[in-house]
C-alpha atoms as a PDB file:
ATOM      1  CA  MET A   1       0.000   0.000   0.000  1.00  0.00           C
ATOM      2  CA  LYS A   2       2.974   2.307   0.594  1.00  0.00           C
ATOM      3  CA  PRO A   3       3.709   2.894  -3.153  1.00  0.00           C
ATOM      4  CA  LEU A   4       0.057   3.865  -3.736  1.00  0.00           C
ATOM      5  CA  ILE A   5       0.095   6.401  -0.902  1.00  0.00           C
ATOM      6  CA  LEU A   6       3.434   7.857  -2.030  1.00  0.00           C
ATOM      7  CA  TRP A   7       2.089   8.200  -5.604  1.00  0.00           C
ATOM      8  CA  ALA A   8      -1.056  10.011  -4.404  1.00  0.00           C
ATOM      9  CA  ARG A   9       0.916  12.410  -2.171  1.00  0.00           C
ATOM     10  CA  ASP A  10       3.517  13.151  -4.862  1.00  0.00           C
ATOM     11  CA  LYS A  11       1.239  13.391  -7.892  1.00  0.00           C
ATOM     12  CA  HIS A  12      -1.799  15.084  -6.326  1.00  0.00           C
ATOM     13  CA  PRO A  13      -0.503  16.923  -3.230  1.00  0.00           C
ATOM     14  CA  ALA A  14      -3.116  19.575  -2.572  1.00  0.00           C
ATOM     15  CA  PRO A  15      -4.965  17.855  -0.921  1.00  0.00           C
ATOM     16  CA  TYR A  16      -4.482  14.221  -1.809  1.00  0.00           C
ATOM     17  CA  SER A  17      -7.183  11.871  -0.689  1.00  0.00           C
ATOM     18  CA  LEU A  18      -7.687   8.133  -1.027  1.00  0.00           C
ATOM     19  CA  ARG A  19     -10.815   6.249  -0.046  1.00  0.00           C
ATOM     20  CA  ILE A  20     -10.122   2.550   0.217  1.00  0.00           C
ATOM     21  CA  GLY A  21     -13.180   0.476  -0.636  1.00  0.00           C
ATOM     22  CA  ALA A  22     -11.788  -3.055  -0.667  1.00  0.00           C
ATOM     23  CA  LYS A  23      -8.431  -4.674  -0.067  1.00  0.00           C
ATOM     24  CA  THR A  24      -7.153  -8.174  -0.810  1.00  0.00           C
ATOM     25  CA  ASP A  25      -3.673  -9.691  -0.811  1.00  0.00           C
ATOM     26  CA  ASP A  26      -3.285  -8.732  -4.492  1.00  0.00           C
ATOM     27  CA  MET A  27      -5.498  -5.660  -5.060  1.00  0.00           C
ATOM     28  CA  ILE A  28      -6.635  -2.418  -3.456  1.00  0.00           C
ATOM     29  CA  MET A  29      -9.751  -0.742  -4.857  1.00  0.00           C
ATOM     30  CA  GLY A  30     -11.338   2.588  -4.036  1.00  0.00           C
ATOM     31  CA  LEU A  31     -11.496   6.241  -5.041  1.00  0.00           C
ATOM     32  CA  VAL A  32      -8.759   8.855  -5.458  1.00  0.00           C
ATOM     33  CA  GLN A  33      -9.456  12.590  -5.469  1.00  0.00           C
ATOM     34  CA  ILE A  34      -7.824  14.384  -8.385  1.00  0.00           C
ATOM     35  CA  GLY A  35      -8.741  18.066  -8.300  1.00  0.00           C
ATOM     36  CA  SER A  36     -12.406  18.136  -7.376  1.00  0.00           C
ATOM     37  CA  ALA A  37     -13.268  14.775  -8.988  1.00  0.00           C
ATOM     38  CA  TRP A  38     -13.348  11.375  -7.281  1.00  0.00           C
ATOM     39  CA  ILE A  39     -12.011   8.752  -9.700  1.00  0.00           C
ATOM     40  CA  PRO A  40     -12.287   4.994  -9.154  1.00  0.00           C
ATOM     41  CA  PHE A  41      -8.988   3.121  -9.046  1.00  0.00           C
ATOM     42  CA  SER A  42      -7.576  -0.332  -8.545  1.00  0.00           C
ATOM     43  CA  PHE A  43      -3.998  -1.005  -7.503  1.00  0.00           C
ATOM     44  CA  ASP A  44      -2.282  -4.286  -8.336  1.00  0.00           C
ATOM     45  CA  ARG A  45       0.040  -4.776  -5.360  1.00  0.00           C
ATOM     46  CA  GLN A  46       2.186  -7.390  -7.120  1.00  0.00           C
ATOM     47  CA  ARG A  47       2.749  -5.563 -10.438  1.00  0.00           C
ATOM     48  CA  LEU A  48       2.614  -2.022  -8.923  1.00  0.00           C
ATOM     49  CA  VAL A  49       0.063  -0.871 -11.514  1.00  0.00           C
ATOM     50  CA  ILE A  50      -2.635   1.703 -10.762  1.00  0.00           C
ATOM     51  CA  THR A  51      -5.694   1.541 -13.010  1.00  0.00           C
ATOM     52  CA  LEU A  52      -7.604   4.839 -12.991  1.00  0.00           C
ATOM     53  CA  GLY A  53     -11.160   5.211 -14.268  1.00  0.00           C
ATOM     54  CA  GLU A  54     -13.557   2.692 -15.733  1.00  0.00           C
ATOM     55  CA  GLY A  55     -14.502   1.446 -19.181  1.00  0.00           C
ATOM     56  CA  ALA A  56     -13.201   3.340 -22.211  1.00  0.00           C
ATOM     57  CA  GLU A  57     -11.644   6.058 -20.015  1.00  0.00           C
ATOM     58  CA  GLN A  58      -9.541   3.555 -18.066  1.00  0.00           C
ATOM     59  CA  ARG A  59      -5.754   4.049 -18.013  1.00  0.00           C
ATOM     60  CA  ASP A  60      -2.897   2.163 -16.383  1.00  0.00           C
ATOM     61  CA  ILE A  61      -0.009   3.797 -14.540  1.00  0.00           C
ATOM     62  CA  GLN A  62       3.112   1.769 -13.723  1.00  0.00           C
ATOM     63  CA  ILE A  63       4.850   2.940 -10.541  1.00  0.00           C
ATOM     64  CA  ASN A  64       7.928   1.827  -8.635  1.00  0.00           C
ATOM     65  CA  GLU A  65       8.225   1.018  -4.930  1.00  0.00           C
ATOM     66  CA  TRP A  66       8.607   4.757  -4.165  1.00  0.00           C
ATOM     67  CA  GLY A  67       5.407   5.741  -5.989  1.00  0.00           C
ATOM     68  CA  TRP A  68       7.146   7.319  -8.976  1.00  0.00           C
ATOM     69  CA  GLU A  69       5.600   6.792 -12.390  1.00  0.00           C
ATOM     70  CA  GLN A  70       7.707   4.730 -14.764  1.00  0.00           C
END
C-alpha cells in the first residue's frame, strides 16, 4: 500500500485523498481525489500498476516502490 500512498501524495498533493473500498492480498480498490473529482482506481500490489477510471476512459499507470511513475 505504501507505493500507492506515495504516488497520491507526490502526484496530487493539494490535498491528496484516497478512499479505500476493498483490499485483498493482491489488489486495493477505491477512489482517489484528483482536483475536485473522485475517480475509481484499482492497484495491483504485485505488479505495482494503478488503473484509474472505468470502461473506455480507463488508463494504467506503472509505478515503482517509491510511488514514482515509470
